[in-house]
Amino acid sequence: MITFKEIEDNLKSFIIQEQSDAHNIKTANITKYNNLKIGMNPRKFVQPHIIVRISISEAVFSLSDFSKINGGLGYEERLVIKWFGRYGIKEKLRMLWDDNSSALMEEEDKQKK
């Protein structure tokens, strides 16, 4: 079973690698990606989606075609979209949605009570 942490680490590694390929590694702000978070909110966005947070930026992407539903990530957005196109990522995200969407809704219901 895939976890949010594994997906976050995969995306973080990809962004850092892409930046080191494009720029001198010394100019990459690696610590910026230590707070990269991935989440889902099935109550707010019914369709399968992923929420990506990098620093103070946040964007929501559809899992069907990775079109942006809401928000923006600035420069990193193109890297996140490129990462989504990598082999196996879409399937892993879909499994994450299938495994967690109902559990996330149940947890939110418990918190409201």
PDB file of N, CA and C in Angstrom:
ATOM      1  N   MET A   1       0.845  -1.182   0.000  1.00  0.00           N
ATOM      2  CA  MET A   1       0.000   0.000   0.000  1.00  0.00           C
ATOM      3  C   MET A   1       0.890   1.244   0.000  1.00  0.00           C
ATOM      4  N   ILE A   2       0.602   2.156  -0.902  1.00  0.00           N
ATOM      5  CA  ILE A   2       1.372   3.390  -1.037  1.00  0.00           C
ATOM      6  C   ILE A   2       0.921   4.399   0.032  1.00  0.00           C
ATOM      7  N   THR A   3       1.840   5.214   0.511  1.00  0.00           N
ATOM      8  CA  THR A   3       1.507   6.195   1.539  1.00  0.00           C
ATOM      9  C   THR A   3       1.725   7.621   1.017  1.00  0.00           C
ATOM     10  N   PHE A   4       1.105   8.577   1.694  1.00  0.00           N
ATOM     11  CA  PHE A   4       1.301   9.981   1.344  1.00  0.00           C
ATOM     12  C   PHE A   4       2.783  10.346   1.453  1.00  0.00           C
ATOM     13  N   LYS A   5       3.447   9.857   2.480  1.00  0.00           N
ATOM     14  CA  LYS A   5       4.863  10.163   2.708  1.00  0.00           C
ATOM     15  C   LYS A   5       5.726   9.679   1.537  1.00  0.00           C
ATOM     16  N   GLU A   6       5.461   8.476   1.043  1.00  0.00           N
ATOM     17  CA  GLU A   6       6.224   7.950  -0.090  1.00  0.00           C
ATOM     18  C   GLU A   6       6.033   8.815  -1.340  1.00  0.00           C
ATOM     19  N   ILE A   7       4.802   9.247  -1.576  1.00  0.00           N
ATOM     20  CA  ILE A   7       4.523  10.098  -2.726  1.00  0.00           C
ATOM     21  C   ILE A   7       5.194  11.461  -2.553  1.00  0.00           C
ATOM     22  N   GLU A   8       5.101  12.029  -1.344  1.00  0.00           N
ATOM     23  CA  GLU A   8       5.756  13.312  -1.070  1.00  0.00           C
ATOM     24  C   GLU A   8       7.255  13.221  -1.315  1.00  0.00           C
ATOM     25  N   ASP A   9       7.885  12.166  -0.804  1.00  0.00           N
ATOM     26  CA  ASP A   9       9.333  11.987  -0.986  1.00  0.00           C
ATOM     27  C   ASP A   9       9.696  11.825  -2.461  1.00  0.00           C
ATOM     28  N   ASN A  10       8.860  11.110  -3.196  1.00  0.00           N
ATOM     29  CA  ASN A  10       9.097  10.906  -4.620  1.00  0.00           C
ATOM     30  C   ASN A  10       9.040  12.233  -5.366  1.00  0.00           C
ATOM     31  N   LEU A  11       8.028  13.046  -5.079  1.00  0.00           N
ATOM     32  CA  LEU A  11       7.897  14.344  -5.736  1.00  0.00           C
ATOM     33  C   LEU A  11       9.044  15.274  -5.336  1.00  0.00           C
ATOM     34  N   LYS A  12       9.387  15.285  -4.059  1.00  0.00           N
ATOM     35  CA  LYS A  12      10.483  16.139  -3.587  1.00  0.00           C
ATOM     36  C   LYS A  12      11.786  15.770  -4.298  1.00  0.00           C
ATOM     37  N   SER A  13      12.095  14.499  -4.383  1.00  0.00           N
ATOM     38  CA  SER A  13      13.318  14.049  -5.063  1.00  0.00           C
ATOM     39  C   SER A  13      13.309  14.443  -6.528  1.00  0.00           C
ATOM     40  N   PHE A  14      12.147  14.297  -7.161  1.00  0.00           N
ATOM     41  CA  PHE A  14      12.034  14.641  -8.580  1.00  0.00           C
ATOM     42  C   PHE A  14      12.298  16.130  -8.799  1.00  0.00           C
ATOM     43  N   ILE A  15      11.675  16.993  -7.986  1.00  0.00           N
ATOM     44  CA  ILE A  15      11.858  18.439  -8.153  1.00  0.00           C
ATOM     45  C   ILE A  15      13.319  18.829  -7.941  1.00  0.00           C
ATOM     46  N   ILE A  16      13.933  18.291  -6.907  1.00  0.00           N
ATOM     47  CA  ILE A  16      15.341  18.611  -6.628  1.00  0.00           C
ATOM     48  C   ILE A  16      16.234  18.138  -7.770  1.00  0.00           C
ATOM     49  N   GLN A  17      15.979  16.943  -8.278  1.00  0.00           N
ATOM     50  CA  GLN A  17      16.770  16.417  -9.395  1.00  0.00           C
ATOM     51  C   GLN A  17      16.592  17.267 -10.646  1.00  0.00           C
ATOM     52  N   GLU A  18      15.349  17.644 -10.937  1.00  0.00           N
ATOM     53  CA  GLU A  18      15.085  18.473 -12.111  1.00  0.00           C
ATOM     54  C   GLU A  18      15.800  19.817 -12.006  1.00  0.00           C
ATOM     55  N   GLN A  19      15.793  20.404 -10.830  1.00  0.00           N
ATOM     56  CA  GLN A  19      16.454  21.689 -10.657  1.00  0.00           C
ATOM     57  C   GLN A  19      17.966  21.549 -10.729  1.00  0.00           C
ATOM     58  N   SER A  20      18.492  20.461 -10.204  1.00  0.00           N
ATOM     59  CA  SER A  20      19.952  20.285 -10.258  1.00  0.00           C
ATOM     60  C   SER A  20      20.408  20.017 -11.682  1.00  0.00           C
ATOM     61  N   ASP A  21      19.536  19.420 -12.499  1.00  0.00           N
ATOM     62  CA  ASP A  21      19.869  19.214 -13.898  1.00  0.00           C
ATOM     63  C   ASP A  21      19.851  20.535 -14.666  1.00  0.00           C
ATOM     64  N   ALA A  22      18.929  21.427 -14.303  1.00  0.00           N
ATOM     65  CA  ALA A  22      18.760  22.673 -15.033  1.00  0.00           C
ATOM     66  C   ALA A  22      19.680  23.781 -14.526  1.00  0.00           C
ATOM     67  N   HIS A  23      20.087  23.702 -13.266  1.00  0.00           N
ATOM     68  CA  HIS A  23      20.882  24.757 -12.646  1.00  0.00           C
ATOM     69  C   HIS A  23      22.031  24.137 -11.869  1.00  0.00           C
ATOM     70  N   ASN A  24      22.912  24.983 -11.452  1.00  0.00           N
ATOM     71  CA  ASN A  24      23.970  24.536 -10.558  1.00  0.00           C
ATOM     72  C   ASN A  24      23.312  24.107  -9.246  1.00  0.00           C
ATOM     73  N   ILE A  25      23.624  22.950  -8.720  1.00  0.00           N
ATOM     74  CA  ILE A  25      22.999  22.420  -7.512  1.00  0.00           C
ATOM     75  C   ILE A  25      23.095  23.399  -6.342  1.00  0.00           C
ATOM     76  N   LYS A  26      24.105  24.259  -6.319  1.00  0.00           N
ATOM     77  CA  LYS A  26      24.258  25.212  -5.226  1.00  0.00           C
ATOM     78  C   LYS A  26      23.147  26.257  -5.208  1.00  0.00           C
ATOM     79  N   THR A  27      22.503  26.490  -6.337  1.00  0.00           N
ATOM     80  CA  THR A  27      21.444  27.495  -6.382  1.00  0.00           C
ATOM     81  C   THR A  27      20.077  26.917  -6.036  1.00  0.00           C
ATOM     82  N   ALA A  28      19.941  25.629  -5.947  1.00  0.00           N
ATOM     83  CA  ALA A  28      18.660  25.014  -5.608  1.00  0.00           C
ATOM     84  C   ALA A  28      18.395  25.160  -4.109  1.00  0.00           C
ATOM     85  N   ASN A  29      17.215  25.624  -3.770  1.00  0.00           N
ATOM     86  CA  ASN A  29      16.835  25.799  -2.375  1.00  0.00           C
ATOM     87  C   ASN A  29      16.169  24.513  -1.895  1.00  0.00           C
ATOM     88  N   ILE A  30      16.966  23.536  -1.558  1.00  0.00           N
ATOM     89  CA  ILE A  30      16.477  22.209  -1.187  1.00  0.00           C
ATOM     90  C   ILE A  30      15.608  22.257   0.065  1.00  0.00           C
ATOM     91  N   THR A  31      15.939  23.104   1.019  1.00  0.00           N
ATOM     92  CA  THR A  31      15.150  23.167   2.259  1.00  0.00           C
ATOM     93  C   THR A  31      13.723  23.619   1.999  1.00  0.00           C
ATOM     94  N   LYS A  32      13.485  24.328   0.906  1.00  0.00           N
ATOM     95  CA  LYS A  32      12.132  24.770   0.562  1.00  0.00           C
ATOM     96  C   LYS A  32      11.192  23.579   0.405  1.00  0.00           C
ATOM     97  N   TYR A  33      11.724  22.459  -0.014  1.00  0.00           N
ATOM     98  CA  TYR A  33      10.891  21.294  -0.299  1.00  0.00           C
ATOM     99  C   TYR A  33      10.735  20.366   0.904  1.00  0.00           C
ATOM    100  N   ASN A  34      11.352  20.713   2.021  1.00  0.00           N
ATOM    101  CA  ASN A  34      11.171  19.901   3.226  1.00  0.00           C
ATOM    102  C   ASN A  34       9.753  19.989   3.766  1.00  0.00           C
ATOM    103  N   ASN A  35       9.029  21.057   3.406  1.00  0.00           N
ATOM    104  CA  ASN A  35       7.649  21.167   3.863  1.00  0.00           C
ATOM    105  C   ASN A  35       6.648  20.866   2.746  1.00  0.00           C
ATOM    106  N   LEU A  36       7.082  20.194   1.697  1.00  0.00           N
ATOM    107  CA  LEU A  36       6.184  19.769   0.629  1.00  0.00           C
ATOM    108  C   LEU A  36       5.179  18.778   1.205  1.00  0.00           C
ATOM    109  N   LYS A  37       3.910  19.004   0.952  1.00  0.00           N
ATOM    110  CA  LYS A  37       2.855  18.121   1.454  1.00  0.00           C
ATOM    111  C   LYS A  37       1.898  17.759   0.332  1.00  0.00           C
ATOM    112  N   ILE A  38       1.414  16.545   0.405  1.00  0.00           N
ATOM    113  CA  ILE A  38       0.406  16.068  -0.535  1.00  0.00           C
ATOM    114  C   ILE A  38      -0.790  15.617   0.282  1.00  0.00           C
ATOM    115  N   GLY A  39      -1.971  15.985  -0.178  1.00  0.00           N
ATOM    116  CA  GLY A  39      -3.181  15.605   0.532  1.00  0.00           C
ATOM    117  C   GLY A  39      -4.352  15.444  -0.413  1.00  0.00           C
ATOM    118  N   MET A  40      -5.482  15.127   0.185  1.00  0.00           N
ATOM    119  CA  MET A  40      -6.733  14.967  -0.548  1.00  0.00           C
ATOM    120  C   MET A  40      -7.850  15.462   0.369  1.00  0.00           C
ATOM    121  N   ASN A  41      -8.892  16.033  -0.218  1.00  0.00           N
ATOM    122  CA  ASN A  41     -10.029  16.490   0.561  1.00  0.00           C
ATOM    123  C   ASN A  41     -11.303  16.131  -0.188  1.00  0.00           C
ATOM    124  N   PRO A  42     -11.802  14.894   0.002  1.00  0.00           N
ATOM    125  CA  PRO A  42     -12.965  14.436  -0.765  1.00  0.00           C
ATOM    126  C   PRO A  42     -14.255  15.197  -0.453  1.00  0.00           C
ATOM    127  N   ARG A  43     -14.317  15.893   0.661  1.00  0.00           N
ATOM    128  CA  ARG A  43     -15.504  16.699   0.970  1.00  0.00           C
ATOM    129  C   ARG A  43     -15.532  17.974   0.114  1.00  0.00           C
ATOM    130  N   LYS A  44     -14.392  18.570  -0.075  1.00  0.00           N
ATOM    131  CA  LYS A  44     -14.314  19.834  -0.811  1.00  0.00           C
ATOM    132  C   LYS A  44     -14.289  19.620  -2.321  1.00  0.00           C
ATOM    133  N   PHE A  45     -13.573  18.603  -2.758  1.00  0.00           N
ATOM    134  CA  PHE A  45     -13.459  18.288  -4.179  1.00  0.00           C
ATOM    135  C   PHE A  45     -13.865  16.832  -4.360  1.00  0.00           C
ATOM    136  N   VAL A  46     -15.061  16.613  -4.890  1.00  0.00           N
ATOM    137  CA  VAL A  46     -15.615  15.261  -4.983  1.00  0.00           C
ATOM    138  C   VAL A  46     -14.841  14.391  -5.963  1.00  0.00           C
ATOM    139  N   GLN A  47     -14.414  14.974  -7.075  1.00  0.00           N
ATOM    140  CA  GLN A  47     -13.686  14.176  -8.067  1.00  0.00           C
ATOM    141  C   GLN A  47     -12.325  13.775  -7.516  1.00  0.00           C
ATOM    142  N   PRO A  48     -11.795  12.643  -7.957  1.00  0.00           N
ATOM    143  CA  PRO A  48     -10.463  12.236  -7.507  1.00  0.00           C
ATOM    144  C   PRO A  48      -9.433  13.319  -7.811  1.00  0.00           C
ATOM    145  N   HIS A  49      -8.657  13.689  -6.811  1.00  0.00           N
ATOM    146  CA  HIS A  49      -7.732  14.805  -6.940  1.00  0.00           C
ATOM    147  C   HIS A  49      -6.558  14.637  -5.990  1.00  0.00           C
ATOM    148  N   ILE A  50      -5.601  15.513  -6.149  1.00  0.00           N
ATOM    149  CA  ILE A  50      -4.463  15.577  -5.238  1.00  0.00           C
ATOM    150  C   ILE A  50      -4.201  17.055  -4.944  1.00  0.00           C
ATOM    151  N   ILE A  51      -3.915  17.343  -3.698  1.00  0.00           N
ATOM    152  CA  ILE A  51      -3.575  18.698  -3.283  1.00  0.00           C
ATOM    153  C   ILE A  51      -2.075  18.714  -3.025  1.00  0.00           C
ATOM    154  N   VAL A  52      -1.371  19.618  -3.680  1.00  0.00           N
ATOM    155  CA  VAL A  52       0.074  19.745  -3.513  1.00  0.00           C
ATOM    156  C   VAL A  52       0.350  21.093  -2.857  1.00  0.00           C
ATOM    157  N   ARG A  53       1.063  21.051  -1.730  1.00  0.00           N
ATOM    158  CA  ARG A  53       1.466  22.270  -1.029  1.00  0.00           C
ATOM    159  C   ARG A  53       2.988  22.340  -1.026  1.00  0.00           C
ATOM    160  N   ILE A  54       3.504  23.467  -1.498  1.00  0.00           N
ATOM    161  CA  ILE A  54       4.944  23.728  -1.456  1.00  0.00           C
ATOM    162  C   ILE A  54       5.098  25.111  -0.844  1.00  0.00           C
ATOM    163  N   SER A  55       5.730  25.149   0.310  1.00  0.00           N
ATOM    164  CA  SER A  55       5.910  26.402   1.033  1.00  0.00           C
ATOM    165  C   SER A  55       4.534  27.000   1.314  1.00  0.00           C
ATOM    166  N   ILE A  56       4.250  28.212   0.829  1.00  0.00           N
ATOM    167  CA  ILE A  56       2.949  28.827   1.092  1.00  0.00           C
ATOM    168  C   ILE A  56       1.991  28.674  -0.089  1.00  0.00           C
ATOM    169  N   SER A  57       2.413  27.994  -1.139  1.00  0.00           N
ATOM    170  CA  SER A  57       1.588  27.808  -2.336  1.00  0.00           C
ATOM    171  C   SER A  57       0.858  26.480  -2.278  1.00  0.00           C
ATOM    172  N   GLU A  58      -0.326  26.450  -2.897  1.00  0.00           N
ATOM    173  CA  GLU A  58      -1.123  25.224  -2.911  1.00  0.00           C
ATOM    174  C   GLU A  58      -1.899  25.152  -4.221  1.00  0.00           C
ATOM    175  N   ALA A  59      -1.986  23.946  -4.775  1.00  0.00           N
ATOM    176  CA  ALA A  59      -2.767  23.726  -5.986  1.00  0.00           C
ATOM    177  C   ALA A  59      -3.446  22.371  -5.893  1.00  0.00           C
ATOM    178  N   VAL A  60      -4.617  22.285  -6.527  1.00  0.00           N
ATOM    179  CA  VAL A  60      -5.385  21.041  -6.568  1.00  0.00           C
ATOM    180  C   VAL A  60      -5.435  20.588  -8.016  1.00  0.00           C
ATOM    181  N   PHE A  61      -5.096  19.310  -8.245  1.00  0.00           N
ATOM    182  CA  PHE A  61      -5.063  18.748  -9.585  1.00  0.00           C
ATOM    183  C   PHE A  61      -5.981  17.535  -9.668  1.00  0.00           C
ATOM    184  N   SER A  62      -6.672  17.408 -10.792  1.00  0.00           N
ATOM    185  CA  SER A  62      -7.512  16.248 -11.062  1.00  0.00           C
ATOM    186  C   SER A  62      -6.624  15.038 -11.331  1.00  0.00           C
ATOM    187  N   LEU A  63      -7.013  13.876 -10.810  1.00  0.00           N
ATOM    188  CA  LEU A  63      -6.238  12.664 -11.073  1.00  0.00           C
ATOM    189  C   LEU A  63      -6.525  12.083 -12.453  1.00  0.00           C
ATOM    190  N   SER A  64      -7.631  12.471 -13.060  1.00  0.00           N
ATOM    191  CA  SER A  64      -7.950  11.899 -14.367  1.00  0.00           C
ATOM    192  C   SER A  64      -7.010  12.409 -15.458  1.00  0.00           C
ATOM    193  N   ASP A  65      -6.745  13.716 -15.473  1.00  0.00           N
ATOM    194  CA  ASP A  65      -5.872  14.265 -16.513  1.00  0.00           C
ATOM    195  C   ASP A  65      -4.853  15.265 -15.965  1.00  0.00           C
ATOM    196  N   PHE A  66      -4.808  15.412 -14.672  1.00  0.00           N
ATOM    197  CA  PHE A  66      -3.924  16.317 -13.947  1.00  0.00           C
ATOM    198  C   PHE A  66      -4.117  17.768 -14.356  1.00  0.00           C
ATOM    199  N   SER A  67      -5.337  18.090 -14.764  1.00  0.00           N
ATOM    200  CA  SER A  67      -5.647  19.502 -15.000  1.00  0.00           C
ATOM    201  C   SER A  67      -5.793  20.183 -13.647  1.00  0.00           C
ATOM    202  N   LYS A  68      -5.467  21.447 -13.609  1.00  0.00           N
ATOM    203  CA  LYS A  68      -5.533  22.186 -12.351  1.00  0.00           C
ATOM    204  C   LYS A  68      -6.988  22.539 -12.061  1.00  0.00           C
ATOM    205  N   ILE A  69      -7.432  22.226 -10.850  1.00  0.00           N
ATOM    206  CA  ILE A  69      -8.784  22.538 -10.399  1.00  0.00           C
ATOM    207  C   ILE A  69      -8.792  23.881  -9.682  1.00  0.00           C
ATOM    208  N   ASN A  70      -7.746  24.135  -8.906  1.00  0.00           N
ATOM    209  CA  ASN A  70      -7.726  25.329  -8.067  1.00  0.00           C
ATOM    210  C   ASN A  70      -6.293  25.640  -7.655  1.00  0.00           C
ATOM    211  N   GLY A  71      -5.998  26.912  -7.392  1.00  0.00           N
ATOM    212  CA  GLY A  71      -4.714  27.315  -6.834  1.00  0.00           C
ATOM    213  C   GLY A  71      -3.601  27.448  -7.848  1.00  0.00           C
ATOM    214  N   GLY A  72      -2.382  27.487  -7.326  1.00  0.00           N
ATOM    215  CA  GLY A  72      -1.208  27.614  -8.178  1.00  0.00           C
ATOM    216  C   GLY A  72       0.063  27.406  -7.373  1.00  0.00           C
ATOM    217  N   LEU A  73       1.110  26.955  -8.029  1.00  0.00           N
ATOM    218  CA  LEU A  73       2.379  26.662  -7.369  1.00  0.00           C
ATOM    219  C   LEU A  73       3.532  27.503  -7.900  1.00  0.00           C
ATOM    220  N   GLY A  74       3.251  28.425  -8.791  1.00  0.00           N
ATOM    221  CA  GLY A  74       4.331  29.231  -9.358  1.00  0.00           C
ATOM    222  C   GLY A  74       5.253  28.389 -10.218  1.00  0.00           C
ATOM    223  N   TYR A  75       6.543  28.665 -10.101  1.00  0.00           N
ATOM    224  CA  TYR A  75       7.555  27.981 -10.908  1.00  0.00           C
ATOM    225  C   TYR A  75       7.469  26.459 -10.798  1.00  0.00           C
ATOM    226  N   GLU A  76       7.220  25.961  -9.596  1.00  0.00           N
ATOM    227  CA  GLU A  76       7.231  24.517  -9.386  1.00  0.00           C
ATOM    228  C   GLU A  76       6.057  23.789 -10.046  1.00  0.00           C
ATOM    229  N   GLU A  77       5.028  24.517 -10.436  1.00  0.00           N
ATOM    230  CA  GLU A  77       3.849  23.872 -11.015  1.00  0.00           C
ATOM    231  C   GLU A  77       4.201  23.057 -12.251  1.00  0.00           C
ATOM    232  N   ARG A  78       5.051  23.592 -13.099  1.00  0.00           N
ATOM    233  CA  ARG A  78       5.431  22.847 -14.309  1.00  0.00           C
ATOM    234  C   ARG A  78       6.205  21.582 -13.948  1.00  0.00           C
ATOM    235  N   LEU A  79       6.968  21.625 -12.866  1.00  0.00           N
ATOM    236  CA  LEU A  79       7.707  20.437 -12.431  1.00  0.00           C
ATOM    237  C   LEU A  79       6.763  19.384 -11.862  1.00  0.00           C
ATOM    238  N   VAL A  80       5.750  19.818 -11.121  1.00  0.00           N
ATOM    239  CA  VAL A  80       4.765  18.881 -10.573  1.00  0.00           C
ATOM    240  C   VAL A  80       4.003  18.210 -11.705  1.00  0.00           C
ATOM    241  N   ILE A  81       3.623  18.970 -12.716  1.00  0.00           N
ATOM    242  CA  ILE A  81       2.909  18.392 -13.867  1.00  0.00           C
ATOM    243  C   ILE A  81       3.812  17.418 -14.622  1.00  0.00           C
ATOM    244  N   LYS A  82       5.073  17.763 -14.767  1.00  0.00           N
ATOM    245  CA  LYS A  82       6.026  16.848 -15.411  1.00  0.00           C
ATOM    246  C   LYS A  82       6.172  15.563 -14.599  1.00  0.00           C
ATOM    247  N   TRP A  83       6.228  15.689 -13.282  1.00  0.00           N
ATOM    248  CA  TRP A  83       6.327  14.522 -12.393  1.00  0.00           C
ATOM    249  C   TRP A  83       5.115  13.619 -12.551  1.00  0.00           C
ATOM    250  N   PHE A  84       3.944  14.216 -12.668  1.00  0.00           N
ATOM    251  CA  PHE A  84       2.721  13.436 -12.820  1.00  0.00           C
ATOM    252  C   PHE A  84       2.773  12.533 -14.054  1.00  0.00           C
ATOM    253  N   GLY A  85       3.460  12.985 -15.098  1.00  0.00           N
ATOM    254  CA  GLY A  85       3.560  12.207 -16.328  1.00  0.00           C
ATOM    255  C   GLY A  85       4.550  11.056 -16.273  1.00  0.00           C
ATOM    256  N   ARG A  86       5.297  10.948 -15.189  1.00  0.00           N
ATOM    257  CA  ARG A  86       6.270   9.853 -15.077  1.00  0.00           C
ATOM    258  C   ARG A  86       5.555   8.512 -14.939  1.00  0.00           C
ATOM    259  N   TYR A  87       6.225   7.497 -15.380  1.00  0.00           N
ATOM    260  CA  TYR A  87       5.663   6.149 -15.356  1.00  0.00           C
ATOM    261  C   TYR A  87       5.252   5.729 -13.946  1.00  0.00           C
ATOM    262  N   GLY A  88       4.008   5.312 -13.799  1.00  0.00           N
ATOM    263  CA  GLY A  88       3.507   4.750 -12.551  1.00  0.00           C
ATOM    264  C   GLY A  88       2.969   5.750 -11.539  1.00  0.00           C
ATOM    265  N   ILE A  89       3.237   7.038 -11.724  1.00  0.00           N
ATOM    266  CA  ILE A  89       2.800   8.025 -10.733  1.00  0.00           C
ATOM    267  C   ILE A  89       1.278   8.147 -10.709  1.00  0.00           C
ATOM    268  N   LYS A  90       0.665   8.251 -11.866  1.00  0.00           N
ATOM    269  CA  LYS A  90      -0.792   8.383 -11.932  1.00  0.00           C
ATOM    270  C   LYS A  90      -1.475   7.188 -11.256  1.00  0.00           C
ATOM    271  N   GLU A  91      -0.956   6.005 -11.483  1.00  0.00           N
ATOM    272  CA  GLU A  91      -1.537   4.812 -10.891  1.00  0.00           C
ATOM    273  C   GLU A  91      -1.365   4.807  -9.367  1.00  0.00           C
ATOM    274  N   LYS A  92      -0.193   5.225  -8.898  1.00  0.00           N
ATOM    275  CA  LYS A  92       0.041   5.286  -7.449  1.00  0.00           C
ATOM    276  C   LYS A  92      -0.880   6.297  -6.782  1.00  0.00           C
ATOM    277  N   LEU A  93      -1.076   7.444  -7.430  1.00  0.00           N
ATOM    278  CA  LEU A  93      -1.967   8.462  -6.882  1.00  0.00           C
ATOM    279  C   LEU A  93      -3.412   7.958  -6.858  1.00  0.00           C
ATOM    280  N   ARG A  94      -3.785   7.235  -7.885  1.00  0.00           N
ATOM    281  CA  ARG A  94      -5.152   6.683  -7.939  1.00  0.00           C
ATOM    282  C   ARG A  94      -5.351   5.651  -6.820  1.00  0.00           C
ATOM    283  N   MET A  95      -4.335   4.823  -6.576  1.00  0.00           N
ATOM    284  CA  MET A  95      -4.414   3.852  -5.476  1.00  0.00           C
ATOM    285  C   MET A  95      -4.517   4.579  -4.138  1.00  0.00           C
ATOM    286  N   LEU A  96      -3.761   5.650  -3.979  1.00  0.00           N
ATOM    287  CA  LEU A  96      -3.799   6.453  -2.766  1.00  0.00           C
ATOM    288  C   LEU A  96      -5.201   7.020  -2.561  1.00  0.00           C
ATOM    289  N   TRP A  97      -5.815   7.503  -3.623  1.00  0.00           N
ATOM    290  CA  TRP A  97      -7.188   8.017  -3.553  1.00  0.00           C
ATOM    291  C   TRP A  97      -8.146   6.901  -3.161  1.00  0.00           C
ATOM    292  N   ASP A  98      -8.058   5.767  -3.846  1.00  0.00           N
ATOM    293  CA  ASP A  98      -8.956   4.645  -3.571  1.00  0.00           C
ATOM    294  C   ASP A  98      -8.816   4.147  -2.137  1.00  0.00           C
ATOM    295  N   ASP A  99      -7.584   4.108  -1.635  1.00  0.00           N
ATOM    296  CA  ASP A  99      -7.334   3.603  -0.283  1.00  0.00           C
ATOM    297  C   ASP A  99      -7.733   4.596   0.806  1.00  0.00           C
ATOM    298  N   ASN A 100      -7.728   5.892   0.500  1.00  0.00           N
ATOM    299  CA  ASN A 100      -7.861   6.889   1.559  1.00  0.00           C
ATOM    300  C   ASN A 100      -9.078   7.794   1.482  1.00  0.00           C
ATOM    301  N   SER A 101      -9.742   7.920   0.358  1.00  0.00           N
ATOM    302  CA  SER A 101     -10.817   8.908   0.250  1.00  0.00           C
ATOM    303  C   SER A 101     -11.958   8.638   1.231  1.00  0.00           C
ATOM    304  N   SER A 102     -12.398   7.400   1.346  1.00  0.00           N
ATOM    305  CA  SER A 102     -13.488   7.115   2.288  1.00  0.00           C
ATOM    306  C   SER A 102     -13.014   7.253   3.731  1.00  0.00           C
ATOM    307  N   ALA A 103     -11.775   6.864   4.009  1.00  0.00           N
ATOM    308  CA  ALA A 103     -11.235   7.004   5.370  1.00  0.00           C
ATOM    309  C   ALA A 103     -11.111   8.474   5.754  1.00  0.00           C
ATOM    310  N   LEU A 104     -10.711   9.325   4.824  1.00  0.00           N
ATOM    311  CA  LEU A 104     -10.605  10.760   5.099  1.00  0.00           C
ATOM    312  C   LEU A 104     -11.973  11.357   5.410  1.00  0.00           C
ATOM    313  N   MET A 105     -13.001  10.926   4.694  1.00  0.00           N
ATOM    314  CA  MET A 105     -14.347  11.431   4.939  1.00  0.00           C
ATOM    315  C   MET A 105     -14.860  10.966   6.303  1.00  0.00           C
ATOM    316  N   GLU A 106     -14.594   9.707   6.645  1.00  0.00           N
ATOM    317  CA  GLU A 106     -15.015   9.183   7.949  1.00  0.00           C
ATOM    318  C   GLU A 106     -14.314   9.918   9.086  1.00  0.00           C
ATOM    319  N   GLU A 107     -13.042  10.191   8.923  1.00  0.00           N
ATOM    320  CA  GLU A 107     -12.287  10.903   9.953  1.00  0.00           C
ATOM    321  C   GLU A 107     -12.829  12.317  10.150  1.00  0.00           C
ATOM    322  N   GLU A 108     -13.167  12.965   9.056  1.00  0.00           N
ATOM    323  CA  GLU A 108     -13.731  14.319   9.152  1.00  0.00           C
ATOM    324  C   GLU A 108     -15.102  14.286   9.851  1.00  0.00           C
ATOM    325  N   ASP A 109     -15.909  13.263   9.560  1.00  0.00           N
ATOM    326  CA  ASP A 109     -17.199  13.131  10.228  1.00  0.00           C
ATOM    327  C   ASP A 109     -17.030  12.971  11.741  1.00  0.00           C
ATOM    328  N   LYS A 110     -16.055  12.183  12.146  1.00  0.00           N
ATOM    329  CA  LYS A 110     -15.791  11.985  13.585  1.00  0.00           C
ATOM    330  C   LYS A 110     -15.373  13.279  14.259  1.00  0.00           C
ATOM    331  N   GLN A 111     -14.582  14.092  13.548  1.00  0.00           N
ATOM    332  CA  GLN A 111     -14.106  15.349  14.123  1.00  0.00           C
ATOM    333  C   GLN A 111     -15.246  16.350  14.297  1.00  0.00           C
ATOM    334  N   LYS A 112     -16.272  16.261  13.446  1.00  0.00           N
ATOM    335  CA  LYS A 112     -17.409  17.178  13.540  1.00  0.00           C
ATOM    336  C   LYS A 112     -18.315  16.837  14.726  1.00  0.00           C
ATOM    337  N   LYS A 113     -18.273  15.593  15.175  1.00  0.00           N
ATOM    338  CA  LYS A 113     -19.162  15.158  16.280  1.00  0.00           C
ATOM    339  C   LYS A 113     -18.650  15.560  17.607  1.00  0.00           C
TER     340      LYS A 113
END
